PDB file of N, CA and C in Angstrom:
ATOM      1  N   MET A   1      30.609 -47.931-182.029  1.00  0.00           N
ATOM      2  CA  MET A   1      30.231 -47.365-183.289  1.00  0.00           C
ATOM      3  C   MET A   1      28.789 -47.714-183.630  1.00  0.00           C
ATOM      4  N   GLN A   2      28.433 -48.957-183.362  1.00  0.00           N
ATOM      5  CA  GLN A   2      27.056 -49.358-183.655  1.00  0.00           C
ATOM      6  C   GLN A   2      26.067 -48.572-182.818  1.00  0.00           C
ATOM      7  N   SER A   3      26.412 -48.265-181.587  1.00  0.00           N
ATOM      8  CA  SER A   3      25.500 -47.481-180.750  1.00  0.00           C
ATOM      9  C   SER A   3      25.357 -46.051-181.274  1.00  0.00           C
ATOM     10  N   SER A   4      26.285 -45.634-182.131  1.00  0.00           N
ATOM     11  CA  SER A   4      26.214 -44.313-182.759  1.00  0.00           C
ATOM     12  C   SER A   4      25.545 -44.362-184.130  1.00  0.00           C
ATOM     13  N   GLY A   5      25.100 -45.562-184.539  1.00  0.00           N
ATOM     14  CA  GLY A   5      24.397 -45.698-185.809  1.00  0.00           C
ATOM     15  C   GLY A   5      25.253 -46.125-186.986  1.00  0.00           C
ATOM     16  N   LEU A   6      26.507 -46.499-186.726  1.00  0.00           N
ATOM     17  CA  LEU A   6      27.388 -46.954-187.803  1.00  0.00           C
ATOM     18  C   LEU A   6      27.371 -48.486-187.842  1.00  0.00           C
ATOM     19  N   TYR A   7      26.936 -49.032-188.976  1.00  0.00           N
ATOM     20  CA  TYR A   7      26.816 -50.486-189.086  1.00  0.00           C
ATOM     21  C   TYR A   7      27.602 -51.073-190.243  1.00  0.00           C
ATOM     22  N   VAL A   8      28.139 -50.240-191.137  1.00  0.00           N
ATOM     23  CA  VAL A   8      28.916 -50.746-192.269  1.00  0.00           C
ATOM     24  C   VAL A   8      30.380 -50.736-191.829  1.00  0.00           C
ATOM     25  N   LEU A   9      30.745 -51.755-191.032  1.00  0.00           N
ATOM     26  CA  LEU A   9      32.066 -51.829-190.421  1.00  0.00           C
ATOM     27  C   LEU A   9      32.853 -52.990-191.023  1.00  0.00           C
ATOM     28  N   LEU A  10      34.042 -52.698-191.498  1.00  0.00           N
ATOM     29  CA  LEU A  10      34.938 -53.712-192.036  1.00  0.00           C
ATOM     30  C   LEU A  10      36.151 -53.816-191.133  1.00  0.00           C
ATOM     31  N   GLU A  11      36.695 -55.026-191.005  1.00  0.00           N
ATOM     32  CA  GLU A  11      37.884 -55.241-190.188  1.00  0.00           C
ATOM     33  C   GLU A  11      39.005 -55.753-191.083  1.00  0.00           C
ATOM     34  N   ARG A  12      40.222 -55.284-190.815  1.00  0.00           N
ATOM     35  CA  ARG A  12      41.372 -55.654-191.624  1.00  0.00           C
ATOM     36  C   ARG A  12      42.544 -55.958-190.706  1.00  0.00           C
ATOM     37  N   ASP A  13      43.278 -57.020-191.050  1.00  0.00           N
ATOM     38  CA  ASP A  13      44.478 -57.391-190.302  1.00  0.00           C
ATOM     39  C   ASP A  13      45.587 -56.406-190.663  1.00  0.00           C
ATOM     40  N   ALA A  14      45.989 -55.563-189.719  1.00  0.00           N
ATOM     41  CA  ALA A  14      47.000 -54.537-189.973  1.00  0.00           C
ATOM     42  C   ALA A  14      48.392 -55.115-190.199  1.00  0.00           C
ATOM     43  N   SER A  15      48.596 -56.403-189.872  1.00  0.00           N
ATOM     44  CA  SER A  15      49.918 -57.013-190.060  1.00  0.00           C
ATOM     45  C   SER A  15      50.177 -57.364-191.519  1.00  0.00           C
ATOM     46  N   GLY A  16      49.126 -57.359-192.344  1.00  0.00           N
ATOM     47  CA  GLY A  16      49.276 -57.741-193.745  1.00  0.00           C
ATOM     48  C   GLY A  16      49.197 -59.242-193.985  1.00  0.00           C
ATOM     49  N   GLN A  17      48.942 -60.014-192.916  1.00  0.00           N
ATOM     50  CA  GLN A  17      48.874 -61.471-193.037  1.00  0.00           C
ATOM     51  C   GLN A  17      47.503 -61.960-193.496  1.00  0.00           C
ATOM     52  N   GLY A  18      46.535 -61.073-193.563  1.00  0.00           N
ATOM     53  CA  GLY A  18      45.208 -61.447-194.045  1.00  0.00           C
ATOM     54  C   GLY A  18      44.397 -62.304-193.095  1.00  0.00           C
ATOM     55  N   ARG A  19      44.727 -62.300-191.821  1.00  0.00           N
ATOM     56  CA  ARG A  19      43.989 -63.110-190.843  1.00  0.00           C
ATOM     57  C   ARG A  19      42.596 -62.516-190.610  1.00  0.00           C
ATOM     58  N   LEU A  20      41.659 -63.385-190.232  1.00  0.00           N
ATOM     59  CA  LEU A  20      40.312 -62.939-189.892  1.00  0.00           C
ATOM     60  C   LEU A  20      40.253 -62.596-188.411  1.00  0.00           C
ATOM     61  N   LEU A  21      39.531 -61.552-188.087  1.00  0.00           N
ATOM     62  CA  LEU A  21      39.384 -61.126-186.697  1.00  0.00           C
ATOM     63  C   LEU A  21      38.169 -61.838-186.108  1.00  0.00           C
ATOM     64  N   ILE A  22      38.312 -63.114-185.797  1.00  0.00           N
ATOM     65  CA  ILE A  22      37.209 -63.929-185.303  1.00  0.00           C
ATOM     66  C   ILE A  22      36.837 -63.528-183.876  1.00  0.00           C
ATOM     67  N   ASN A  23      37.799 -63.555-182.975  1.00  0.00           N
ATOM     68  CA  ASN A  23      37.578 -63.178-181.578  1.00  0.00           C
ATOM     69  C   ASN A  23      38.219 -61.807-181.381  1.00  0.00           C
ATOM     70  N   ASP A  24      37.419 -60.752-181.511  1.00  0.00           N
ATOM     71  CA  ASP A  24      37.991 -59.406-181.495  1.00  0.00           C
ATOM     72  C   ASP A  24      38.476 -58.949-180.123  1.00  0.00           C
ATOM     73  N   ARG A  25      38.285 -59.752-179.097  1.00  0.00           N
ATOM     74  CA  ARG A  25      38.757 -59.365-177.759  1.00  0.00           C
ATOM     75  C   ARG A  25      40.270 -59.451-177.627  1.00  0.00           C
ATOM     76  N   ASN A  26      40.932 -60.193-178.510  1.00  0.00           N
ATOM     77  CA  ASN A  26      42.391 -60.276-178.427  1.00  0.00           C
ATOM     78  C   ASN A  26      43.061 -59.490-179.561  1.00  0.00           C
ATOM     79  N   TRP A  27      42.339 -58.499-180.095  1.00  0.00           N
ATOM     80  CA  TRP A  27      42.862 -57.593-181.119  1.00  0.00           C
ATOM     81  C   TRP A  27      42.728 -56.161-180.624  1.00  0.00           C
ATOM     82  N   VAL A  28      43.601 -55.293-181.111  1.00  0.00           N
ATOM     83  CA  VAL A  28      43.536 -53.879-180.777  1.00  0.00           C
ATOM     84  C   VAL A  28      43.534 -53.077-182.084  1.00  0.00           C
ATOM     85  N   THR A  29      42.654 -52.089-182.160  1.00  0.00           N
ATOM     86  CA  THR A  29      42.556 -51.256-183.347  1.00  0.00           C
ATOM     87  C   THR A  29      43.772 -50.335-183.424  1.00  0.00           C
ATOM     88  N   THR A  30      44.412 -50.306-184.590  1.00  0.00           N
ATOM     89  CA  THR A  30      45.600 -49.477-184.794  1.00  0.00           C
ATOM     90  C   THR A  30      45.316 -48.277-185.692  1.00  0.00           C
ATOM     91  N   ALA A  31      44.257 -48.356-186.496  1.00  0.00           N
ATOM     92  CA  ALA A  31      43.901 -47.254-187.397  1.00  0.00           C
ATOM     93  C   ALA A  31      42.471 -47.454-187.854  1.00  0.00           C
ATOM     94  N   GLN A  32      41.879 -46.379-188.340  1.00  0.00           N
ATOM     95  CA  GLN A  32      40.549 -46.498-188.922  1.00  0.00           C
ATOM     96  C   GLN A  32      40.371 -45.435-189.993  1.00  0.00           C
ATOM     97  N   THR A  33      39.520 -45.774-190.971  1.00  0.00           N
ATOM     98  CA  THR A  33      39.164 -44.856-192.051  1.00  0.00           C
ATOM     99  C   THR A  33      37.665 -44.862-192.177  1.00  0.00           C
ATOM    100  N   PRO A  34      36.998 -43.726-192.135  1.00  0.00           N
ATOM    101  CA  PRO A  34      37.483 -42.375-191.873  1.00  0.00           C
ATOM    102  C   PRO A  34      38.091 -42.256-190.478  1.00  0.00           C
ATOM    103  N   ALA A  35      38.831 -41.193-190.271  1.00  0.00           N
ATOM    104  CA  ALA A  35      39.562 -40.995-189.020  1.00  0.00           C
ATOM    105  C   ALA A  35      38.617 -40.873-187.824  1.00  0.00           C
ATOM    106  N   ALA A  36      39.103 -41.274-186.663  1.00  0.00           N
ATOM    107  CA  ALA A  36      38.334 -41.153-185.421  1.00  0.00           C
ATOM    108  C   ALA A  36      37.936 -39.702-185.197  1.00  0.00           C
ATOM    109  N   GLY A  37      36.694 -39.494-184.798  1.00  0.00           N
ATOM    110  CA  GLY A  37      36.193 -38.157-184.524  1.00  0.00           C
ATOM    111  C   GLY A  37      35.598 -37.456-185.722  1.00  0.00           C
ATOM    112  N   GLU A  38      35.824 -38.006-186.921  1.00  0.00           N
ATOM    113  CA  GLU A  38      35.255 -37.409-188.126  1.00  0.00           C
ATOM    114  C   GLU A  38      33.755 -37.680-188.172  1.00  0.00           C
ATOM    115  N   VAL A  39      32.965 -36.687-188.477  1.00  0.00           N
ATOM    116  CA  VAL A  39      31.512 -36.836-188.563  1.00  0.00           C
ATOM    117  C   VAL A  39      31.164 -37.369-189.948  1.00  0.00           C
ATOM    118  N   VAL A  40      30.450 -38.504-189.979  1.00  0.00           N
ATOM    119  CA  VAL A  40      30.088 -39.134-191.251  1.00  0.00           C
ATOM    120  C   VAL A  40      28.621 -39.544-191.234  1.00  0.00           C
ATOM    121  N   ASP A  41      28.074 -39.772-192.410  1.00  0.00           N
ATOM    122  CA  ASP A  41      26.723 -40.272-192.566  1.00  0.00           C
ATOM    123  C   ASP A  41      26.678 -41.726-192.087  1.00  0.00           C
ATOM    124  N   CYS A  42      25.537 -42.167-191.619  1.00  0.00           N
ATOM    125  CA  CYS A  42      25.426 -43.525-191.062  1.00  0.00           C
ATOM    126  C   CYS A  42      25.653 -44.616-192.104  1.00  0.00           C
ATOM    127  N   GLY A  43      25.586 -44.308-193.388  1.00  0.00           N
ATOM    128  CA  GLY A  43      25.810 -45.312-194.432  1.00  0.00           C
ATOM    129  C   GLY A  43      27.250 -45.431-194.886  1.00  0.00           C
ATOM    130  N   VAL A  44      28.135 -44.643-194.304  1.00  0.00           N
ATOM    131  CA  VAL A  44      29.540 -44.650-194.695  1.00  0.00           C
ATOM    132  C   VAL A  44      30.222 -45.929-194.209  1.00  0.00           C
ATOM    133  N   GLU A  45      31.050 -46.509-195.076  1.00  0.00           N
ATOM    134  CA  GLU A  45      31.822 -47.706-194.730  1.00  0.00           C
ATOM    135  C   GLU A  45      33.005 -47.292-193.854  1.00  0.00           C
ATOM    136  N   VAL A  46      33.135 -47.933-192.698  1.00  0.00           N
ATOM    137  CA  VAL A  46      34.240 -47.663-191.776  1.00  0.00           C
ATOM    138  C   VAL A  46      35.143 -48.893-191.757  1.00  0.00           C
ATOM    139  N   THR A  47      36.429 -48.690-192.031  1.00  0.00           N
ATOM    140  CA  THR A  47      37.393 -49.789-192.019  1.00  0.00           C
ATOM    141  C   THR A  47      38.275 -49.655-190.785  1.00  0.00           C
ATOM    142  N   LEU A  48      38.320 -50.716-189.990  1.00  0.00           N
ATOM    143  CA  LEU A  48      39.145 -50.772-188.786  1.00  0.00           C
ATOM    144  C   LEU A  48      40.336 -51.689-189.047  1.00  0.00           C
ATOM    145  N   SER A  49      41.532 -51.181-188.875  1.00  0.00           N
ATOM    146  CA  SER A  49      42.745 -51.983-188.997  1.00  0.00           C
ATOM    147  C   SER A  49      43.162 -52.380-187.585  1.00  0.00           C
ATOM    148  N   ALA A  50      43.498 -53.651-187.404  1.00  0.00           N
ATOM    149  CA  ALA A  50      43.824 -54.136-186.058  1.00  0.00           C
ATOM    150  C   ALA A  50      44.952 -55.157-186.102  1.00  0.00           C
ATOM    151  N   LYS A  51      45.601 -55.301-184.956  1.00  0.00           N
ATOM    152  CA  LYS A  51      46.622 -56.331-184.798  1.00  0.00           C
ATOM    153  C   LYS A  51      46.343 -57.069-183.500  1.00  0.00           C
ATOM    154  N   LYS A  52      46.855 -58.286-183.388  1.00  0.00           N
ATOM    155  CA  LYS A  52      46.662 -59.041-182.158  1.00  0.00           C
ATOM    156  C   LYS A  52      47.431 -58.376-181.023  1.00  0.00           C
ATOM    157  N   ILE A  53      46.839 -58.406-179.844  1.00  0.00           N
ATOM    158  CA  ILE A  53      47.484 -57.836-178.663  1.00  0.00           C
ATOM    159  C   ILE A  53      48.830 -58.532-178.452  1.00  0.00           C
ATOM    160  N   GLY A  54      49.868 -57.745-178.240  1.00  0.00           N
ATOM    161  CA  GLY A  54      51.201 -58.303-178.007  1.00  0.00           C
ATOM    162  C   GLY A  54      52.055 -58.364-179.252  1.00  0.00           C
ATOM    163  N   GLU A  55      51.489 -58.055-180.410  1.00  0.00           N
ATOM    164  CA  GLU A  55      52.297 -58.075-181.638  1.00  0.00           C
ATOM    165  C   GLU A  55      52.961 -56.748-181.867  1.00  0.00           C
TER     166      GLU A  55
END
């Protein structure tokens, strides 16, 4: 996303436990807003919901 010019990126624990995504290599994105493939301005806030791999 950053290589496409999107820098306002937020991460959220999709499990609802409120954990921080410190090491994102052991997390997988489950959803995002705006939706994948949607064309947006570079200043738009993108929220990525993720869960730990194996959950």
